[in-house]
Amino acid sequence: MPNPAQADDSKENAKEKQRIPTGLLLVASAFLGGIAVVFWNRRTLTTMKNRDQNSPEKPSQVDEDAIY
């Protein structure tokens, strides 16, 4: 008959072995998500910059009654 203390140790060892791949998955997901955000924002900012350069500047009108 197996010793209950040994059964608990084997469960803890299995959980420890499972934590490493899970942690690596979380780190890889965060890293790739960060890279995706950088490229998305880079493309968006480039598009906005090009749009501003192509359009003629319009004089801005200031509303004296506006609350900022």
PDB file of N, CA and C in Angstrom:
ATOM      1  N   MET A   1       0.846  -1.179   0.000  1.00  0.00           N
ATOM      2  CA  MET A   1       0.000   0.000   0.000  1.00  0.00           C
ATOM      3  C   MET A   1       0.894   1.247   0.000  1.00  0.00           C
ATOM      4  N   PRO A   2       0.612   2.213  -0.894  1.00  0.00           N
ATOM      5  CA  PRO A   2       1.472   3.388  -0.964  1.00  0.00           C
ATOM      6  C   PRO A   2       1.324   4.268   0.270  1.00  0.00           C
ATOM      7  N   ASN A   3       2.404   4.878   0.605  1.00  0.00           N
ATOM      8  CA  ASN A   3       2.436   5.777   1.741  1.00  0.00           C
ATOM      9  C   ASN A   3       1.760   7.104   1.334  1.00  0.00           C
ATOM     10  N   PRO A   4       0.795   7.621   2.121  1.00  0.00           N
ATOM     11  CA  PRO A   4       0.113   8.872   1.750  1.00  0.00           C
ATOM     12  C   PRO A   4       1.069  10.057   1.617  1.00  0.00           C
ATOM     13  N   ALA A   5       2.134  10.071   2.387  1.00  0.00           N
ATOM     14  CA  ALA A   5       3.100  11.166   2.297  1.00  0.00           C
ATOM     15  C   ALA A   5       3.808  11.132   0.946  1.00  0.00           C
ATOM     16  N   GLN A   6       4.081   9.953   0.421  1.00  0.00           N
ATOM     17  CA  GLN A   6       4.735   9.836  -0.875  1.00  0.00           C
ATOM     18  C   GLN A   6       3.785  10.264  -1.996  1.00  0.00           C
ATOM     19  N   ALA A   7       2.522   9.972  -1.841  1.00  0.00           N
ATOM     20  CA  ALA A   7       1.537  10.374  -2.846  1.00  0.00           C
ATOM     21  C   ALA A   7       1.454  11.899  -2.914  1.00  0.00           C
ATOM     22  N   ASP A   8       1.495  12.572  -1.751  1.00  0.00           N
ATOM     23  CA  ASP A   8       1.462  14.026  -1.733  1.00  0.00           C
ATOM     24  C   ASP A   8       2.710  14.613  -2.387  1.00  0.00           C
ATOM     25  N   ASP A   9       3.864  13.974  -2.148  1.00  0.00           N
ATOM     26  CA  ASP A   9       5.107  14.455  -2.750  1.00  0.00           C
ATOM     27  C   ASP A   9       5.065  14.330  -4.268  1.00  0.00           C
ATOM     28  N   SER A  10       4.506  13.255  -4.767  1.00  0.00           N
ATOM     29  CA  SER A  10       4.455  13.074  -6.217  1.00  0.00           C
ATOM     30  C   SER A  10       3.516  14.100  -6.855  1.00  0.00           C
ATOM     31  N   LYS A  11       2.436  14.460  -6.168  1.00  0.00           N
ATOM     32  CA  LYS A  11       1.524  15.485  -6.680  1.00  0.00           C
ATOM     33  C   LYS A  11       2.204  16.848  -6.705  1.00  0.00           C
ATOM     34  N   GLU A  12       2.988  17.131  -5.656  1.00  0.00           N
ATOM     35  CA  GLU A  12       3.690  18.409  -5.603  1.00  0.00           C
ATOM     36  C   GLU A  12       4.760  18.480  -6.685  1.00  0.00           C
ATOM     37  N   ASN A  13       5.445  17.377  -6.922  1.00  0.00           N
ATOM     38  CA  ASN A  13       6.457  17.343  -7.978  1.00  0.00           C
ATOM     39  C   ASN A  13       5.823  17.554  -9.348  1.00  0.00           C
ATOM     40  N   ALA A  14       4.663  16.971  -9.559  1.00  0.00           N
ATOM     41  CA  ALA A  14       3.965  17.142 -10.831  1.00  0.00           C
ATOM     42  C   ALA A  14       3.544  18.595 -11.018  1.00  0.00           C
ATOM     43  N   LYS A  15       3.103  19.244  -9.947  1.00  0.00           N
ATOM     44  CA  LYS A  15       2.712  20.653 -10.028  1.00  0.00           C
ATOM     45  C   LYS A  15       3.922  21.530 -10.312  1.00  0.00           C
ATOM     46  N   GLU A  16       5.066  21.213  -9.682  1.00  0.00           N
ATOM     47  CA  GLU A  16       6.290  21.978  -9.919  1.00  0.00           C
ATOM     48  C   GLU A  16       6.731  21.849 -11.369  1.00  0.00           C
ATOM     49  N   LYS A  17       6.638  20.656 -11.917  1.00  0.00           N
ATOM     50  CA  LYS A  17       7.030  20.440 -13.302  1.00  0.00           C
ATOM     51  C   LYS A  17       6.088  21.153 -14.267  1.00  0.00           C
ATOM     52  N   GLN A  18       4.862  21.340 -13.856  1.00  0.00           N
ATOM     53  CA  GLN A  18       3.878  21.992 -14.714  1.00  0.00           C
ATOM     54  C   GLN A  18       4.022  23.516 -14.670  1.00  0.00           C
ATOM     55  N   ARG A  19       4.589  24.058 -13.614  1.00  0.00           N
ATOM     56  CA  ARG A  19       4.713  25.511 -13.476  1.00  0.00           C
ATOM     57  C   ARG A  19       5.716  26.100 -14.454  1.00  0.00           C
ATOM     58  N   ILE A  20       6.785  25.386 -14.732  1.00  0.00           N
ATOM     59  CA  ILE A  20       7.823  25.924 -15.613  1.00  0.00           C
ATOM     60  C   ILE A  20       7.292  26.140 -17.030  1.00  0.00           C
ATOM     61  N   PRO A  21       6.680  25.158 -17.674  1.00  0.00           N
ATOM     62  CA  PRO A  21       6.156  25.422 -19.032  1.00  0.00           C
ATOM     63  C   PRO A  21       5.051  26.481 -19.044  1.00  0.00           C
ATOM     64  N   THR A  22       4.258  26.504 -18.000  1.00  0.00           N
ATOM     65  CA  THR A  22       3.198  27.511 -17.928  1.00  0.00           C
ATOM     66  C   THR A  22       3.801  28.908 -17.817  1.00  0.00           C
ATOM     67  N   GLY A  23       4.813  29.041 -16.988  1.00  0.00           N
ATOM     68  CA  GLY A  23       5.494  30.326 -16.850  1.00  0.00           C
ATOM     69  C   GLY A  23       6.151  30.759 -18.146  1.00  0.00           C
ATOM     70  N   LEU A  24       6.789  29.817 -18.835  1.00  0.00           N
ATOM     71  CA  LEU A  24       7.416  30.138 -20.117  1.00  0.00           C
ATOM     72  C   LEU A  24       6.373  30.559 -21.145  1.00  0.00           C
ATOM     73  N   LEU A  25       5.232  29.916 -21.131  1.00  0.00           N
ATOM     74  CA  LEU A  25       4.146  30.283 -22.044  1.00  0.00           C
ATOM     75  C   LEU A  25       3.657  31.699 -21.759  1.00  0.00           C
ATOM     76  N   LEU A  26       3.511  32.041 -20.491  1.00  0.00           N
ATOM     77  CA  LEU A  26       3.058  33.385 -20.135  1.00  0.00           C
ATOM     78  C   LEU A  26       4.080  34.444 -20.544  1.00  0.00           C
ATOM     79  N   VAL A  27       5.352  34.162 -20.310  1.00  0.00           N
ATOM     80  CA  VAL A  27       6.403  35.116 -20.673  1.00  0.00           C
ATOM     81  C   VAL A  27       6.460  35.295 -22.189  1.00  0.00           C
ATOM     82  N   ALA A  28       6.397  34.197 -22.927  1.00  0.00           N
ATOM     83  CA  ALA A  28       6.442  34.271 -24.386  1.00  0.00           C
ATOM     84  C   ALA A  28       5.228  35.026 -24.933  1.00  0.00           C
ATOM     85  N   SER A  29       4.075  34.790 -24.346  1.00  0.00           N
ATOM     86  CA  SER A  29       2.864  35.473 -24.791  1.00  0.00           C
ATOM     87  C   SER A  29       2.956  36.974 -24.535  1.00  0.00           C
ATOM     88  N   ALA A  30       3.446  37.356 -23.368  1.00  0.00           N
ATOM     89  CA  ALA A  30       3.594  38.781 -23.060  1.00  0.00           C
ATOM     90  C   ALA A  30       4.618  39.432 -23.981  1.00  0.00           C
ATOM     91  N   PHE A  31       5.711  38.732 -24.256  1.00  0.00           N
ATOM     92  CA  PHE A  31       6.752  39.263 -25.133  1.00  0.00           C
ATOM     93  C   PHE A  31       6.226  39.465 -26.553  1.00  0.00           C
ATOM     94  N   LEU A  32       5.566  38.461 -27.094  1.00  0.00           N
ATOM     95  CA  LEU A  32       5.036  38.572 -28.448  1.00  0.00           C
ATOM     96  C   LEU A  32       3.920  39.613 -28.533  1.00  0.00           C
ATOM     97  N   GLY A  33       3.122  39.707 -27.499  1.00  0.00           N
ATOM     98  CA  GLY A  33       2.082  40.738 -27.466  1.00  0.00           C
ATOM     99  C   GLY A  33       2.683  42.134 -27.449  1.00  0.00           C
ATOM    100  N   GLY A  34       3.759  42.306 -26.699  1.00  0.00           N
ATOM    101  CA  GLY A  34       4.446  43.591 -26.670  1.00  0.00           C
ATOM    102  C   GLY A  34       5.019  43.963 -28.023  1.00  0.00           C
ATOM    103  N   ILE A  35       5.604  42.988 -28.703  1.00  0.00           N
ATOM    104  CA  ILE A  35       6.152  43.243 -30.039  1.00  0.00           C
ATOM    105  C   ILE A  35       5.026  43.608 -31.002  1.00  0.00           C
ATOM    106  N   ALA A  36       3.903  42.936 -30.907  1.00  0.00           N
ATOM    107  CA  ALA A  36       2.763  43.243 -31.778  1.00  0.00           C
ATOM    108  C   ALA A  36       2.273  44.670 -31.543  1.00  0.00           C
ATOM    109  N   VAL A  37       2.224  45.095 -30.303  1.00  0.00           N
ATOM    110  CA  VAL A  37       1.780  46.459 -29.994  1.00  0.00           C
ATOM    111  C   VAL A  37       2.754  47.479 -30.567  1.00  0.00           C
ATOM    112  N   VAL A  38       4.039  47.200 -30.457  1.00  0.00           N
ATOM    113  CA  VAL A  38       5.039  48.123 -30.998  1.00  0.00           C
ATOM    114  C   VAL A  38       4.859  48.287 -32.504  1.00  0.00           C
ATOM    115  N   PHE A  39       4.723  47.176 -33.224  1.00  0.00           N
ATOM    116  CA  PHE A  39       4.564  47.272 -34.669  1.00  0.00           C
ATOM    117  C   PHE A  39       3.238  47.923 -35.055  1.00  0.00           C
ATOM    118  N   TRP A  40       2.182  47.631 -34.318  1.00  0.00           N
ATOM    119  CA  TRP A  40       0.874  48.237 -34.614  1.00  0.00           C
ATOM    120  C   TRP A  40       0.945  49.751 -34.424  1.00  0.00           C
ATOM    121  N   ASN A  41       1.497  50.185 -33.310  1.00  0.00           N
ATOM    122  CA  ASN A  41       1.583  51.626 -33.054  1.00  0.00           C
ATOM    123  C   ASN A  41       2.543  52.303 -34.016  1.00  0.00           C
ATOM    124  N   ARG A  42       3.610  51.618 -34.388  1.00  0.00           N
ATOM    125  CA  ARG A  42       4.567  52.196 -35.324  1.00  0.00           C
ATOM    126  C   ARG A  42       3.896  52.463 -36.668  1.00  0.00           C
ATOM    127  N   ARG A  43       3.133  51.514 -37.136  1.00  0.00           N
ATOM    128  CA  ARG A  43       2.432  51.681 -38.409  1.00  0.00           C
ATOM    129  C   ARG A  43       1.385  52.788 -38.296  1.00  0.00           C
ATOM    130  N   THR A  44       0.654  52.812 -37.205  1.00  0.00           N
ATOM    131  CA  THR A  44      -0.379  53.830 -37.014  1.00  0.00           C
ATOM    132  C   THR A  44       0.229  55.218 -36.938  1.00  0.00           C
ATOM    133  N   LEU A  45       1.313  55.366 -36.184  1.00  0.00           N
ATOM    134  CA  LEU A  45       1.947  56.671 -36.063  1.00  0.00           C
ATOM    135  C   LEU A  45       2.539  57.131 -37.394  1.00  0.00           C
ATOM    136  N   THR A  46       3.093  56.218 -38.159  1.00  0.00           N
ATOM    137  CA  THR A  46       3.620  56.566 -39.476  1.00  0.00           C
ATOM    138  C   THR A  46       2.501  57.039 -40.389  1.00  0.00           C
ATOM    139  N   THR A  47       1.369  56.363 -40.354  1.00  0.00           N
ATOM    140  CA  THR A  47       0.217  56.762 -41.167  1.00  0.00           C
ATOM    141  C   THR A  47      -0.267  58.149 -40.772  1.00  0.00           C
ATOM    142  N   MET A  48      -0.359  58.407 -39.484  1.00  0.00           N
ATOM    143  CA  MET A  48      -0.815  59.712 -39.012  1.00  0.00           C
ATOM    144  C   MET A  48       0.172  60.811 -39.412  1.00  0.00           C
ATOM    145  N   LYS A  49       1.459  60.513 -39.313  1.00  0.00           N
ATOM    146  CA  LYS A  49       2.480  61.492 -39.666  1.00  0.00           C
ATOM    147  C   LYS A  49       2.418  61.833 -41.153  1.00  0.00           C
ATOM    148  N   ASN A  50       2.266  60.820 -41.985  1.00  0.00           N
ATOM    149  CA  ASN A  50       2.169  61.055 -43.429  1.00  0.00           C
ATOM    150  C   ASN A  50       0.916  61.829 -43.784  1.00  0.00           C
ATOM    151  N   ARG A  51      -0.157  61.558 -43.106  1.00  0.00           N
ATOM    152  CA  ARG A  51      -1.412  62.275 -43.371  1.00  0.00           C
ATOM    153  C   ARG A  51      -1.251  63.756 -43.025  1.00  0.00           C
ATOM    154  N   ASP A  52      -0.561  64.044 -41.918  1.00  0.00           N
ATOM    155  CA  ASP A  52      -0.357  65.438 -41.520  1.00  0.00           C
ATOM    156  C   ASP A  52       0.564  66.167 -42.482  1.00  0.00           C
ATOM    157  N   GLN A  53       1.561  65.485 -43.022  1.00  0.00           N
ATOM    158  CA  GLN A  53       2.499  66.128 -43.934  1.00  0.00           C
ATOM    159  C   GLN A  53       1.858  66.412 -45.292  1.00  0.00           C
ATOM    160  N   ASN A  54       0.933  65.579 -45.696  1.00  0.00           N
ATOM    161  CA  ASN A  54       0.299  65.745 -47.005  1.00  0.00           C
ATOM    162  C   ASN A  54      -0.806  66.802 -47.009  1.00  0.00           C
ATOM    163  N   SER A  55      -1.391  67.058 -45.884  1.00  0.00           N
ATOM    164  CA  SER A  55      -2.495  68.015 -45.852  1.00  0.00           C
ATOM    165  C   SER A  55      -1.961  69.420 -45.561  1.00  0.00           C
ATOM    166  N   PRO A  56      -2.542  70.428 -46.214  1.00  0.00           N
ATOM    167  CA  PRO A  56      -2.100  71.804 -45.931  1.00  0.00           C
ATOM    168  C   PRO A  56      -2.547  72.211 -44.532  1.00  0.00           C
ATOM    169  N   GLU A  57      -1.727  73.055 -43.941  1.00  0.00           N
ATOM    170  CA  GLU A  57      -2.076  73.503 -42.593  1.00  0.00           C
ATOM    171  C   GLU A  57      -3.253  74.467 -42.650  1.00  0.00           C
ATOM    172  N   LYS A  58      -4.164  74.256 -41.745  1.00  0.00           N
ATOM    173  CA  LYS A  58      -5.322  75.130 -41.659  1.00  0.00           C
ATOM    174  C   LYS A  58      -5.132  76.026 -40.437  1.00  0.00           C
ATOM    175  N   PRO A  59      -5.457  77.269 -40.565  1.00  0.00           N
ATOM    176  CA  PRO A  59      -5.357  78.123 -39.374  1.00  0.00           C
ATOM    177  C   PRO A  59      -6.390  77.686 -38.343  1.00  0.00           C
ATOM    178  N   SER A  60      -5.933  77.559 -37.140  1.00  0.00           N
ATOM    179  CA  SER A  60      -6.858  77.114 -36.094  1.00  0.00           C
ATOM    180  C   SER A  60      -7.599  78.316 -35.535  1.00  0.00           C
ATOM    181  N   GLN A  61      -8.861  78.119 -35.320  1.00  0.00           N
ATOM    182  CA  GLN A  61      -9.674  79.174 -34.744  1.00  0.00           C
ATOM    183  C   GLN A  61      -9.885  78.859 -33.279  1.00  0.00           C
ATOM    184  N   VAL A  62      -9.636  79.831 -32.460  1.00  0.00           N
ATOM    185  CA  VAL A  62      -9.786  79.656 -31.024  1.00  0.00           C
ATOM    186  C   VAL A  62     -11.138  80.211 -30.612  1.00  0.00           C
ATOM    187  N   ASP A  63     -11.879  79.389 -29.934  1.00  0.00           N
ATOM    188  CA  ASP A  63     -13.172  79.824 -29.433  1.00  0.00           C
ATOM    189  C   ASP A  63     -12.939  80.458 -28.056  1.00  0.00           C
ATOM    190  N   GLU A  64     -13.264  81.708 -27.935  1.00  0.00           N
ATOM    191  CA  GLU A  64     -13.028  82.426 -26.688  1.00  0.00           C
ATOM    192  C   GLU A  64     -13.883  81.876 -25.544  1.00  0.00           C
ATOM    193  N   ASP A  65     -15.029  81.312 -25.864  1.00  0.00           N
ATOM    194  CA  ASP A  65     -15.934  80.826 -24.827  1.00  0.00           C
ATOM    195  C   ASP A  65     -15.677  79.360 -24.455  1.00  0.00           C
ATOM    196  N   ALA A  66     -14.746  78.724 -25.105  1.00  0.00           N
ATOM    197  CA  ALA A  66     -14.491  77.303 -24.847  1.00  0.00           C
ATOM    198  C   ALA A  66     -13.815  77.129 -23.498  1.00  0.00           C
ATOM    199  N   ILE A  67     -14.171  76.060 -22.838  1.00  0.00           N
ATOM    200  CA  ILE A  67     -13.575  75.731 -21.545  1.00  0.00           C
ATOM    201  C   ILE A  67     -12.594  74.594 -21.775  1.00  0.00           C
ATOM    202  N   TYR A  68     -11.341  74.804 -21.409  1.00  0.00           N
ATOM    203  CA  TYR A  68     -10.322  73.797 -21.615  1.00  0.00           C
ATOM    204  C   TYR A  68      -9.911  73.184 -20.325  1.00  0.00           C
TER     205      TYR A  68
END
